[in-house]
Amino acid sequence: MKKIILVCLALLIYQKWDVIDQHFNPLPDYAAAHDGKVILYATAWCGYCKKARELMNRNNIPFYEYDIEKSKEGNEQHKSLGGRGIPVLLINGEVIKGYDASRILALAKEG
């Protein structure tokens, strides 16, 4: 029984590592440099990045975009946020990895 609990605990920690890591290593305030707007780390060819842009434009959510293939600063920030894929969004100090429309809207409307 102890082994099962330890395995479950290990899986939970693995799944929630981003949240745990942010607690101990707070994110730099990149948004402050862009008037608190949502920051989108994307590429020109990514379909989910296009969906994220369209969602924010449709809902009048101001955002600043870095093309991580063309911007050295954007690429470095993307990596520092733990980005391994795209899109990555920074909204009110929270990182969203991937396209999650409901979470993007919820966080963007909080700020």
PDB file of N, CA and C in Angstrom:
ATOM      1  N   MET A   1       0.828  -1.199   0.000  1.00  0.00           N
ATOM      2  CA  MET A   1       0.000   0.000   0.000  1.00  0.00           C
ATOM      3  C   MET A   1       0.869   1.258   0.000  1.00  0.00           C
ATOM      4  N   LYS A   2       1.977   1.230   0.759  1.00  0.00           N
ATOM      5  CA  LYS A   2       2.868   2.393   0.811  1.00  0.00           C
ATOM      6  C   LYS A   2       3.464   2.684  -0.558  1.00  0.00           C
ATOM      7  N   LYS A   3       3.780   1.613  -1.312  1.00  0.00           N
ATOM      8  CA  LYS A   3       4.355   1.801  -2.644  1.00  0.00           C
ATOM      9  C   LYS A   3       3.358   2.485  -3.581  1.00  0.00           C
ATOM     10  N   ILE A   4       2.107   2.095  -3.481  1.00  0.00           N
ATOM     11  CA  ILE A   4       1.079   2.703  -4.331  1.00  0.00           C
ATOM     12  C   ILE A   4       0.927   4.180  -4.005  1.00  0.00           C
ATOM     13  N   ILE A   5       0.921   4.512  -2.739  1.00  0.00           N
ATOM     14  CA  ILE A   5       0.809   5.918  -2.319  1.00  0.00           C
ATOM     15  C   ILE A   5       2.015   6.714  -2.808  1.00  0.00           C
ATOM     16  N   LEU A   6       3.212   6.147  -2.694  1.00  0.00           N
ATOM     17  CA  LEU A   6       4.422   6.839  -3.157  1.00  0.00           C
ATOM     18  C   LEU A   6       4.402   7.038  -4.673  1.00  0.00           C
ATOM     19  N   VAL A   7       3.953   6.040  -5.411  1.00  0.00           N
ATOM     20  CA  VAL A   7       3.859   6.168  -6.868  1.00  0.00           C
ATOM     21  C   VAL A   7       2.848   7.251  -7.232  1.00  0.00           C
ATOM     22  N   CYS A   8       1.698   7.252  -6.579  1.00  0.00           N
ATOM     23  CA  CYS A   8       0.682   8.281  -6.838  1.00  0.00           C
ATOM     24  C   CYS A   8       1.197   9.667  -6.504  1.00  0.00           C
ATOM     25  N   LEU A   9       1.894   9.795  -5.406  1.00  0.00           N
ATOM     26  CA  LEU A   9       2.473  11.076  -5.010  1.00  0.00           C
ATOM     27  C   LEU A   9       3.514  11.537  -6.032  1.00  0.00           C
ATOM     28  N   ALA A  10       4.358  10.624  -6.484  1.00  0.00           N
ATOM     29  CA  ALA A  10       5.367  10.955  -7.490  1.00  0.00           C
ATOM     30  C   ALA A  10       4.713  11.412  -8.792  1.00  0.00           C
ATOM     31  N   LEU A  11       3.647  10.740  -9.210  1.00  0.00           N
ATOM     32  CA  LEU A  11       2.933  11.143 -10.424  1.00  0.00           C
ATOM     33  C   LEU A  11       2.295  12.520 -10.275  1.00  0.00           C
ATOM     34  N   LEU A  12       1.725  12.778  -9.117  1.00  0.00           N
ATOM     35  CA  LEU A  12       1.115  14.083  -8.863  1.00  0.00           C
ATOM     36  C   LEU A  12       2.169  15.188  -8.920  1.00  0.00           C
ATOM     37  N   ILE A  13       3.298  14.955  -8.284  1.00  0.00           N
ATOM     38  CA  ILE A  13       4.383  15.944  -8.312  1.00  0.00           C
ATOM     39  C   ILE A  13       4.859  16.158  -9.742  1.00  0.00           C
ATOM     40  N   TYR A  14       5.008  15.099 -10.508  1.00  0.00           N
ATOM     41  CA  TYR A  14       5.446  15.211 -11.899  1.00  0.00           C
ATOM     42  C   TYR A  14       4.455  16.034 -12.715  1.00  0.00           C
ATOM     43  N   GLN A  15       3.168  15.774 -12.542  1.00  0.00           N
ATOM     44  CA  GLN A  15       2.142  16.481 -13.310  1.00  0.00           C
ATOM     45  C   GLN A  15       2.039  17.959 -12.929  1.00  0.00           C
ATOM     46  N   LYS A  16       2.272  18.277 -11.696  1.00  0.00           N
ATOM     47  CA  LYS A  16       2.110  19.650 -11.202  1.00  0.00           C
ATOM     48  C   LYS A  16       3.440  20.356 -10.982  1.00  0.00           C
ATOM     49  N   TRP A  17       4.508  19.857 -11.586  1.00  0.00           N
ATOM     50  CA  TRP A  17       5.832  20.425 -11.340  1.00  0.00           C
ATOM     51  C   TRP A  17       5.896  21.907 -11.692  1.00  0.00           C
ATOM     52  N   ASP A  18       5.245  22.340 -12.769  1.00  0.00           N
ATOM     53  CA  ASP A  18       5.275  23.755 -13.147  1.00  0.00           C
ATOM     54  C   ASP A  18       4.732  24.636 -12.029  1.00  0.00           C
ATOM     55  N   VAL A  19       3.633  24.232 -11.418  1.00  0.00           N
ATOM     56  CA  VAL A  19       3.020  25.004 -10.331  1.00  0.00           C
ATOM     57  C   VAL A  19       3.927  25.002  -9.106  1.00  0.00           C
ATOM     58  N   ILE A  20       4.478  23.853  -8.788  1.00  0.00           N
ATOM     59  CA  ILE A  20       5.373  23.723  -7.634  1.00  0.00           C
ATOM     60  C   ILE A  20       6.619  24.572  -7.846  1.00  0.00           C
ATOM     61  N   ASP A  21       7.200  24.497  -9.047  1.00  0.00           N
ATOM     62  CA  ASP A  21       8.417  25.253  -9.350  1.00  0.00           C
ATOM     63  C   ASP A  21       8.174  26.756  -9.276  1.00  0.00           C
ATOM     64  N   GLN A  22       7.021  27.219  -9.769  1.00  0.00           N
ATOM     65  CA  GLN A  22       6.713  28.654  -9.707  1.00  0.00           C
ATOM     66  C   GLN A  22       6.598  29.141  -8.268  1.00  0.00           C
ATOM     67  N   HIS A  23       6.162  28.266  -7.380  1.00  0.00           N
ATOM     68  CA  HIS A  23       6.047  28.646  -5.977  1.00  0.00           C
ATOM     69  C   HIS A  23       7.425  28.936  -5.374  1.00  0.00           C
ATOM     70  N   PHE A  24       8.392  28.117  -5.707  1.00  0.00           N
ATOM     71  CA  PHE A  24       9.739  28.277  -5.151  1.00  0.00           C
ATOM     72  C   PHE A  24      10.625  29.204  -5.977  1.00  0.00           C
ATOM     73  N   ASN A  25      10.332  29.340  -7.253  1.00  0.00           N
ATOM     74  CA  ASN A  25      11.100  30.198  -8.156  1.00  0.00           C
ATOM     75  C   ASN A  25      10.146  31.117  -8.906  1.00  0.00           C
ATOM     76  N   PRO A  26       9.763  32.234  -8.296  1.00  0.00           N
ATOM     77  CA  PRO A  26       8.787  33.118  -8.945  1.00  0.00           C
ATOM     78  C   PRO A  26       9.289  33.607 -10.306  1.00  0.00           C
ATOM     79  N   LEU A  27       8.337  33.876 -11.186  1.00  0.00           N
ATOM     80  CA  LEU A  27       8.661  34.322 -12.532  1.00  0.00           C
ATOM     81  C   LEU A  27       9.129  35.769 -12.536  1.00  0.00           C
ATOM     82  N   PRO A  28      10.038  36.108 -13.451  1.00  0.00           N
ATOM     83  CA  PRO A  28      10.372  37.524 -13.634  1.00  0.00           C
ATOM     84  C   PRO A  28       9.145  38.256 -14.170  1.00  0.00           C
ATOM     85  N   ASP A  29       9.069  39.539 -13.933  1.00  0.00           N
ATOM     86  CA  ASP A  29       7.902  40.298 -14.364  1.00  0.00           C
ATOM     87  C   ASP A  29       8.113  40.838 -15.779  1.00  0.00           C
ATOM     88  N   TYR A  30       8.064  39.947 -16.767  1.00  0.00           N
ATOM     89  CA  TYR A  30       8.219  40.367 -18.156  1.00  0.00           C
ATOM     90  C   TYR A  30       7.066  41.263 -18.586  1.00  0.00           C
ATOM     91  N   ALA A  31       5.892  41.026 -18.044  1.00  0.00           N
ATOM     92  CA  ALA A  31       4.705  41.779 -18.450  1.00  0.00           C
ATOM     93  C   ALA A  31       4.828  43.258 -18.115  1.00  0.00           C
ATOM     94  N   ALA A  32       5.582  43.610 -17.090  1.00  0.00           N
ATOM     95  CA  ALA A  32       5.732  45.017 -16.698  1.00  0.00           C
ATOM     96  C   ALA A  32       6.311  45.840 -17.850  1.00  0.00           C
ATOM     97  N   ALA A  33       7.181  45.233 -18.649  1.00  0.00           N
ATOM     98  CA  ALA A  33       7.789  45.944 -19.770  1.00  0.00           C
ATOM     99  C   ALA A  33       6.796  46.177 -20.908  1.00  0.00           C
ATOM    100  N   HIS A  34       5.658  45.507 -20.866  1.00  0.00           N
ATOM    101  CA  HIS A  34       4.658  45.615 -21.936  1.00  0.00           C
ATOM    102  C   HIS A  34       3.321  46.091 -21.387  1.00  0.00           C
ATOM    103  N   ASP A  35       3.369  46.993 -20.423  1.00  0.00           N
ATOM    104  CA  ASP A  35       2.168  47.599 -19.828  1.00  0.00           C
ATOM    105  C   ASP A  35       1.194  46.559 -19.281  1.00  0.00           C
ATOM    106  N   GLY A  36       1.709  45.465 -18.747  1.00  0.00           N
ATOM    107  CA  GLY A  36       0.864  44.457 -18.123  1.00  0.00           C
ATOM    108  C   GLY A  36       0.041  43.628 -19.083  1.00  0.00           C
ATOM    109  N   LYS A  37       0.312  43.743 -20.384  1.00  0.00           N
ATOM    110  CA  LYS A  37      -0.448  42.981 -21.371  1.00  0.00           C
ATOM    111  C   LYS A  37      -0.100  41.500 -21.290  1.00  0.00           C
ATOM    112  N   VAL A  38      -0.954  40.720 -21.895  1.00  0.00           N
ATOM    113  CA  VAL A  38      -0.679  39.302 -22.088  1.00  0.00           C
ATOM    114  C   VAL A  38       0.513  39.204 -23.034  1.00  0.00           C
ATOM    115  N   ILE A  39       1.416  38.275 -22.757  1.00  0.00           N
ATOM    116  CA  ILE A  39       2.541  38.048 -23.663  1.00  0.00           C
ATOM    117  C   ILE A  39       2.363  36.672 -24.290  1.00  0.00           C
ATOM    118  N   LEU A  40       2.421  36.629 -25.604  1.00  0.00           N
ATOM    119  CA  LEU A  40       2.290  35.402 -26.369  1.00  0.00           C
ATOM    120  C   LEU A  40       3.645  35.069 -26.982  1.00  0.00           C
ATOM    121  N   TYR A  41       4.138  33.883 -26.691  1.00  0.00           N
ATOM    122  CA  TYR A  41       5.372  33.371 -27.291  1.00  0.00           C
ATOM    123  C   TYR A  41       4.935  32.368 -28.341  1.00  0.00           C
ATOM    124  N   ALA A  42       5.247  32.655 -29.613  1.00  0.00           N
ATOM    125  CA  ALA A  42       4.667  31.892 -30.702  1.00  0.00           C
ATOM    126  C   ALA A  42       5.617  31.847 -31.894  1.00  0.00           C
ATOM    127  N   THR A  43       5.140  31.237 -32.971  1.00  0.00           N
ATOM    128  CA  THR A  43       5.821  31.273 -34.265  1.00  0.00           C
ATOM    129  C   THR A  43       4.785  31.622 -35.322  1.00  0.00           C
ATOM    130  N   ALA A  44       5.258  31.982 -36.488  1.00  0.00           N
ATOM    131  CA  ALA A  44       4.356  32.369 -37.574  1.00  0.00           C
ATOM    132  C   ALA A  44       3.594  31.168 -38.138  1.00  0.00           C
ATOM    133  N   TRP A  45       4.163  29.990 -38.091  1.00  0.00           N
ATOM    134  CA  TRP A  45       3.581  28.814 -38.737  1.00  0.00           C
ATOM    135  C   TRP A  45       2.677  27.969 -37.835  1.00  0.00           C
ATOM    136  N   CYS A  46       2.619  28.254 -36.550  1.00  0.00           N
ATOM    137  CA  CYS A  46       1.906  27.414 -35.580  1.00  0.00           C
ATOM    138  C   CYS A  46       0.395  27.667 -35.624  1.00  0.00           C
ATOM    139  N   GLY A  47      -0.377  26.604 -35.871  1.00  0.00           N
ATOM    140  CA  GLY A  47      -1.832  26.720 -35.927  1.00  0.00           C
ATOM    141  C   GLY A  47      -2.463  27.099 -34.595  1.00  0.00           C
ATOM    142  N   TYR A  48      -1.946  26.551 -33.492  1.00  0.00           N
ATOM    143  CA  TYR A  48      -2.502  26.892 -32.179  1.00  0.00           C
ATOM    144  C   TYR A  48      -2.129  28.314 -31.775  1.00  0.00           C
ATOM    145  N   CYS A  49      -0.987  28.790 -32.233  1.00  0.00           N
ATOM    146  CA  CYS A  49      -0.614  30.190 -31.981  1.00  0.00           C
ATOM    147  C   CYS A  49      -1.605  31.111 -32.698  1.00  0.00           C
ATOM    148  N   LYS A  50      -1.970  30.725 -33.921  1.00  0.00           N
ATOM    149  CA  LYS A  50      -2.952  31.505 -34.689  1.00  0.00           C
ATOM    150  C   LYS A  50      -4.291  31.526 -33.964  1.00  0.00           C
ATOM    151  N   LYS A  51      -4.701  30.372 -33.416  1.00  0.00           N
ATOM    152  CA  LYS A  51      -5.954  30.317 -32.658  1.00  0.00           C
ATOM    153  C   LYS A  51      -5.891  31.224 -31.433  1.00  0.00           C
ATOM    154  N   ALA A  52      -4.741  31.245 -30.744  1.00  0.00           N
ATOM    155  CA  ALA A  52      -4.579  32.099 -29.558  1.00  0.00           C
ATOM    156  C   ALA A  52      -4.693  33.568 -29.950  1.00  0.00           C
ATOM    157  N   ARG A  53      -4.048  33.957 -31.060  1.00  0.00           N
ATOM    158  CA  ARG A  53      -4.141  35.342 -31.540  1.00  0.00           C
ATOM    159  C   ARG A  53      -5.597  35.711 -31.838  1.00  0.00           C
ATOM    160  N   GLU A  54      -6.270  34.830 -32.583  1.00  0.00           N
ATOM    161  CA  GLU A  54      -7.662  35.099 -32.959  1.00  0.00           C
ATOM    162  C   GLU A  54      -8.567  35.208 -31.728  1.00  0.00           C
ATOM    163  N   LEU A  55      -8.356  34.341 -30.750  1.00  0.00           N
ATOM    164  CA  LEU A  55      -9.153  34.373 -29.521  1.00  0.00           C
ATOM    165  C   LEU A  55      -8.980  35.705 -28.799  1.00  0.00           C
ATOM    166  N   MET A  56      -7.744  36.142 -28.678  1.00  0.00           N
ATOM    167  CA  MET A  56      -7.495  37.399 -27.960  1.00  0.00           C
ATOM    168  C   MET A  56      -8.014  38.597 -28.746  1.00  0.00           C
ATOM    169  N   ASN A  57      -7.855  38.580 -30.067  1.00  0.00           N
ATOM    170  CA  ASN A  57      -8.387  39.679 -30.884  1.00  0.00           C
ATOM    171  C   ASN A  57      -9.909  39.736 -30.821  1.00  0.00           C
ATOM    172  N   ARG A  58     -10.565  38.573 -30.905  1.00  0.00           N
ATOM    173  CA  ARG A  58     -12.035  38.507 -30.834  1.00  0.00           C
ATOM    174  C   ARG A  58     -12.572  39.033 -29.509  1.00  0.00           C
ATOM    175  N   ASN A  59     -11.801  38.832 -28.430  1.00  0.00           N
ATOM    176  CA  ASN A  59     -12.248  39.232 -27.093  1.00  0.00           C
ATOM    177  C   ASN A  59     -11.610  40.534 -26.620  1.00  0.00           C
ATOM    178  N   ASN A  60     -11.004  41.275 -27.544  1.00  0.00           N
ATOM    179  CA  ASN A  60     -10.377  42.573 -27.240  1.00  0.00           C
ATOM    180  C   ASN A  60      -9.402  42.494 -26.074  1.00  0.00           C
ATOM    181  N   ILE A  61      -8.586  41.447 -26.073  1.00  0.00           N
ATOM    182  CA  ILE A  61      -7.561  41.282 -25.043  1.00  0.00           C
ATOM    183  C   ILE A  61      -6.245  41.785 -25.625  1.00  0.00           C
ATOM    184  N   PRO A  62      -5.693  42.872 -25.073  1.00  0.00           N
ATOM    185  CA  PRO A  62      -4.426  43.372 -25.604  1.00  0.00           C
ATOM    186  C   PRO A  62      -3.297  42.394 -25.285  1.00  0.00           C
ATOM    187  N   PHE A  63      -2.421  42.177 -26.266  1.00  0.00           N
ATOM    188  CA  PHE A  63      -1.302  41.269 -26.039  1.00  0.00           C
ATOM    189  C   PHE A  63      -0.088  41.733 -26.815  1.00  0.00           C
ATOM    190  N   TYR A  64       1.048  41.289 -26.347  1.00  0.00           N
ATOM    191  CA  TYR A  64       2.323  41.532 -27.022  1.00  0.00           C
ATOM    192  C   TYR A  64       2.829  40.174 -27.454  1.00  0.00           C
ATOM    193  N   GLU A  65       3.321  40.091 -28.679  1.00  0.00           N
ATOM    194  CA  GLU A  65       3.761  38.798 -29.197  1.00  0.00           C
ATOM    195  C   GLU A  65       5.255  38.788 -29.510  1.00  0.00           C
ATOM    196  N   TYR A  66       5.898  37.706 -29.090  1.00  0.00           N
ATOM    197  CA  TYR A  66       7.275  37.427 -29.484  1.00  0.00           C
ATOM    198  C   TYR A  66       7.249  36.242 -30.440  1.00  0.00           C
ATOM    199  N   ASP A  67       7.862  36.384 -31.594  1.00  0.00           N
ATOM    200  CA  ASP A  67       8.098  35.238 -32.468  1.00  0.00           C
ATOM    201  C   ASP A  67       9.422  34.641 -31.988  1.00  0.00           C
ATOM    202  N   ILE A  68       9.353  33.488 -31.361  1.00  0.00           N
ATOM    203  CA  ILE A  68      10.534  32.920 -30.705  1.00  0.00           C
ATOM    204  C   ILE A  68      11.600  32.466 -31.693  1.00  0.00           C
ATOM    205  N   GLU A  69      11.253  32.405 -32.990  1.00  0.00           N
ATOM    206  CA  GLU A  69      12.255  32.064 -34.005  1.00  0.00           C
ATOM    207  C   GLU A  69      12.985  33.300 -34.513  1.00  0.00           C
ATOM    208  N   LYS A  70      12.401  34.471 -34.305  1.00  0.00           N
ATOM    209  CA  LYS A  70      12.985  35.701 -34.828  1.00  0.00           C
ATOM    210  C   LYS A  70      13.509  36.629 -33.739  1.00  0.00           C
ATOM    211  N   SER A  71      13.059  36.444 -32.506  1.00  0.00           N
ATOM    212  CA  SER A  71      13.429  37.336 -31.412  1.00  0.00           C
ATOM    213  C   SER A  71      14.292  36.593 -30.391  1.00  0.00           C
ATOM    214  N   LYS A  72      15.524  37.044 -30.248  1.00  0.00           N
ATOM    215  CA  LYS A  72      16.415  36.416 -29.266  1.00  0.00           C
ATOM    216  C   LYS A  72      15.859  36.605 -27.855  1.00  0.00           C
ATOM    217  N   GLU A  73      15.391  37.823 -27.554  1.00  0.00           N
ATOM    218  CA  GLU A  73      14.815  38.108 -26.235  1.00  0.00           C
ATOM    219  C   GLU A  73      13.593  37.229 -25.978  1.00  0.00           C
ATOM    220  N   GLY A  74      12.722  37.126 -26.980  1.00  0.00           N
ATOM    221  CA  GLY A  74      11.534  36.292 -26.843  1.00  0.00           C
ATOM    222  C   GLY A  74      11.887  34.830 -26.638  1.00  0.00           C
ATOM    223  N   ASN A  75      12.882  34.351 -27.365  1.00  0.00           N
ATOM    224  CA  ASN A  75      13.310  32.961 -27.230  1.00  0.00           C
ATOM    225  C   ASN A  75      13.869  32.692 -25.841  1.00  0.00           C
ATOM    226  N   GLU A  76      14.662  33.628 -25.320  1.00  0.00           N
ATOM    227  CA  GLU A  76      15.226  33.466 -23.973  1.00  0.00           C
ATOM    228  C   GLU A  76      14.131  33.477 -22.910  1.00  0.00           C
ATOM    229  N   GLN A  77      13.153  34.374 -23.058  1.00  0.00           N
ATOM    230  CA  GLN A  77      12.050  34.417 -22.103  1.00  0.00           C
ATOM    231  C   GLN A  77      11.228  33.133 -22.180  1.00  0.00           C
ATOM    232  N   HIS A  78      10.968  32.664 -23.382  1.00  0.00           N
ATOM    233  CA  HIS A  78      10.225  31.420 -23.598  1.00  0.00           C
ATOM    234  C   HIS A  78      10.913  30.270 -22.856  1.00  0.00           C
ATOM    235  N   LYS A  79      12.211  30.164 -23.002  1.00  0.00           N
ATOM    236  CA  LYS A  79      12.969  29.103 -22.318  1.00  0.00           C
ATOM    237  C   LYS A  79      12.922  29.280 -20.810  1.00  0.00           C
ATOM    238  N   SER A  80      13.050  30.525 -20.343  1.00  0.00           N
ATOM    239  CA  SER A  80      13.058  30.764 -18.892  1.00  0.00           C
ATOM    240  C   SER A  80      11.702  30.465 -18.257  1.00  0.00           C
ATOM    241  N   LEU A  81      10.645  30.483 -19.055  1.00  0.00           N
ATOM    242  CA  LEU A  81       9.308  30.153 -18.566  1.00  0.00           C
ATOM    243  C   LEU A  81       9.041  28.649 -18.634  1.00  0.00           C
ATOM    244  N   GLY A  82      10.040  27.899 -19.062  1.00  0.00           N
ATOM    245  CA  GLY A  82       9.890  26.447 -19.157  1.00  0.00           C
ATOM    246  C   GLY A  82       9.224  26.009 -20.443  1.00  0.00           C
ATOM    247  N   GLY A  83       9.229  26.892 -21.431  1.00  0.00           N
ATOM    248  CA  GLY A  83       8.595  26.571 -22.702  1.00  0.00           C
ATOM    249  C   GLY A  83       9.384  25.541 -23.484  1.00  0.00           C
ATOM    250  N   ARG A  84       8.695  24.487 -23.863  1.00  0.00           N
ATOM    251  CA  ARG A  84       9.292  23.468 -24.724  1.00  0.00           C
ATOM    252  C   ARG A  84       8.509  23.357 -26.017  1.00  0.00           C
ATOM    253  N   GLY A  85       7.298  23.908 -25.994  1.00  0.00           N
ATOM    254  CA  GLY A  85       6.435  23.912 -27.167  1.00  0.00           C
ATOM    255  C   GLY A  85       5.839  25.292 -27.317  1.00  0.00           C
ATOM    256  N   ILE A  86       4.914  25.410 -28.239  1.00  0.00           N
ATOM    257  CA  ILE A  86       4.241  26.678 -28.467  1.00  0.00           C
ATOM    258  C   ILE A  86       2.756  26.414 -28.648  1.00  0.00           C
ATOM    259  N   PRO A  87       1.923  27.356 -28.393  1.00  0.00           N
ATOM    260  CA  PRO A  87       2.204  28.663 -27.809  1.00  0.00           C
ATOM    261  C   PRO A  87       2.417  28.576 -26.302  1.00  0.00           C
ATOM    262  N   VAL A  88       3.087  29.591 -25.781  1.00  0.00           N
ATOM    263  CA  VAL A  88       3.199  29.805 -24.345  1.00  0.00           C
ATOM    264  C   VAL A  88       2.696  31.220 -24.104  1.00  0.00           C
ATOM    265  N   LEU A  89       1.845  31.375 -23.101  1.00  0.00           N
ATOM    266  CA  LEU A  89       1.311  32.695 -22.777  1.00  0.00           C
ATOM    267  C   LEU A  89       1.639  33.031 -21.336  1.00  0.00           C
ATOM    268  N   LEU A  90       1.962  34.279 -21.094  1.00  0.00           N
ATOM    269  CA  LEU A  90       2.186  34.786 -19.740  1.00  0.00           C
ATOM    270  C   LEU A  90       1.073  35.785 -19.465  1.00  0.00           C
ATOM    271  N   ILE A  91       0.199  35.415 -18.509  1.00  0.00           N
ATOM    272  CA  ILE A  91      -0.961  36.250 -18.197  1.00  0.00           C
ATOM    273  C   ILE A  91      -1.023  36.454 -16.694  1.00  0.00           C
ATOM    274  N   ASN A  92      -0.913  37.694 -16.268  1.00  0.00           N
ATOM    275  CA  ASN A  92      -0.995  38.031 -14.839  1.00  0.00           C
ATOM    276  C   ASN A  92      -0.079  37.148 -13.989  1.00  0.00           C
ATOM    277  N   GLY A  93       1.134  36.918 -14.482  1.00  0.00           N
ATOM    278  CA  GLY A  93       2.111  36.145 -13.723  1.00  0.00           C
ATOM    279  C   GLY A  93       1.932  34.641 -13.805  1.00  0.00           C
ATOM    280  N   GLU A  94       0.960  34.176 -14.565  1.00  0.00           N
ATOM    281  CA  GLU A  94       0.747  32.736 -14.726  1.00  0.00           C
ATOM    282  C   GLU A  94       1.092  32.320 -16.138  1.00  0.00           C
ATOM    283  N   VAL A  95       1.688  31.150 -16.256  1.00  0.00           N
ATOM    284  CA  VAL A  95       2.105  30.631 -17.548  1.00  0.00           C
ATOM    285  C   VAL A  95       1.089  29.602 -18.040  1.00  0.00           C
ATOM    286  N   ILE A  96       0.693  29.754 -19.288  1.00  0.00           N
ATOM    287  CA  ILE A  96      -0.159  28.767 -19.930  1.00  0.00           C
ATOM    288  C   ILE A  96       0.655  28.160 -21.062  1.00  0.00           C
ATOM    289  N   LYS A  97       0.832  26.860 -21.001  1.00  0.00           N
ATOM    290  CA  LYS A  97       1.561  26.160 -22.060  1.00  0.00           C
ATOM    291  C   LYS A  97       0.553  25.454 -22.936  1.00  0.00           C
ATOM    292  N   GLY A  98       0.531  25.826 -24.206  1.00  0.00           N
ATOM    293  CA  GLY A  98      -0.431  25.266 -25.136  1.00  0.00           C
ATOM    294  C   GLY A  98      -1.653  26.158 -25.238  1.00  0.00           C
ATOM    295  N   TYR A  99      -2.563  25.766 -26.118  1.00  0.00           N
ATOM    296  CA  TYR A  99      -3.775  26.551 -26.357  1.00  0.00           C
ATOM    297  C   TYR A  99      -4.891  26.035 -25.472  1.00  0.00           C
ATOM    298  N   ASP A 100      -5.307  26.855 -24.505  1.00  0.00           N
ATOM    299  CA  ASP A 100      -6.405  26.512 -23.595  1.00  0.00           C
ATOM    300  C   ASP A 100      -7.314  27.742 -23.522  1.00  0.00           C
ATOM    301  N   ALA A 101      -8.285  27.790 -24.424  1.00  0.00           N
ATOM    302  CA  ALA A 101      -9.126  28.986 -24.586  1.00  0.00           C
ATOM    303  C   ALA A 101      -9.799  29.419 -23.288  1.00  0.00           C
ATOM    304  N   SER A 102     -10.371  28.483 -22.556  1.00  0.00           N
ATOM    305  CA  SER A 102     -11.101  28.868 -21.342  1.00  0.00           C
ATOM    306  C   SER A 102     -10.148  29.445 -20.291  1.00  0.00           C
ATOM    307  N   ARG A 103      -8.978  28.872 -20.164  1.00  0.00           N
ATOM    308  CA  ARG A 103      -8.015  29.386 -19.178  1.00  0.00           C
ATOM    309  C   ARG A 103      -7.453  30.735 -19.607  1.00  0.00           C
ATOM    310  N   ILE A 104      -7.181  30.899 -20.907  1.00  0.00           N
ATOM    311  CA  ILE A 104      -6.689  32.184 -21.418  1.00  0.00           C
ATOM    312  C   ILE A 104      -7.699  33.281 -21.107  1.00  0.00           C
ATOM    313  N   LEU A 105      -8.963  33.027 -21.419  1.00  0.00           N
ATOM    314  CA  LEU A 105     -10.003  34.037 -21.184  1.00  0.00           C
ATOM    315  C   LEU A 105     -10.185  34.327 -19.702  1.00  0.00           C
ATOM    316  N   ALA A 106     -10.183  33.277 -18.882  1.00  0.00           N
ATOM    317  CA  ALA A 106     -10.369  33.468 -17.443  1.00  0.00           C
ATOM    318  C   ALA A 106      -9.254  34.311 -16.844  1.00  0.00           C
ATOM    319  N   LEU A 107      -8.009  34.007 -17.175  1.00  0.00           N
ATOM    320  CA  LEU A 107      -6.882  34.754 -16.610  1.00  0.00           C
ATOM    321  C   LEU A 107      -6.805  36.173 -17.169  1.00  0.00           C
ATOM    322  N   ALA A 108      -7.069  36.325 -18.462  1.00  0.00           N
ATOM    323  CA  ALA A 108      -6.970  37.646 -19.079  1.00  0.00           C
ATOM    324  C   ALA A 108      -8.044  38.592 -18.545  1.00  0.00           C
ATOM    325  N   LYS A 109      -9.197  38.060 -18.202  1.00  0.00           N
ATOM    326  CA  LYS A 109     -10.271  38.913 -17.703  1.00  0.00           C
ATOM    327  C   LYS A 109     -10.125  39.225 -16.228  1.00  0.00           C
ATOM    328  N   GLU A 110      -9.253  38.476 -15.518  1.00  0.00           N
ATOM    329  CA  GLU A 110      -8.980  38.773 -14.106  1.00  0.00           C
ATOM    330  C   GLU A 110      -8.211  40.079 -13.974  1.00  0.00           C
ATOM    331  N   GLY A 111      -7.302  40.314 -14.909  1.00  0.00           N
ATOM    332  CA  GLY A 111      -6.395  41.463 -14.831  1.00  0.00           C
ATOM    333  C   GLY A 111      -6.955  42.694 -15.297  1.00  0.00           C
TER     334      GLY A 111
END
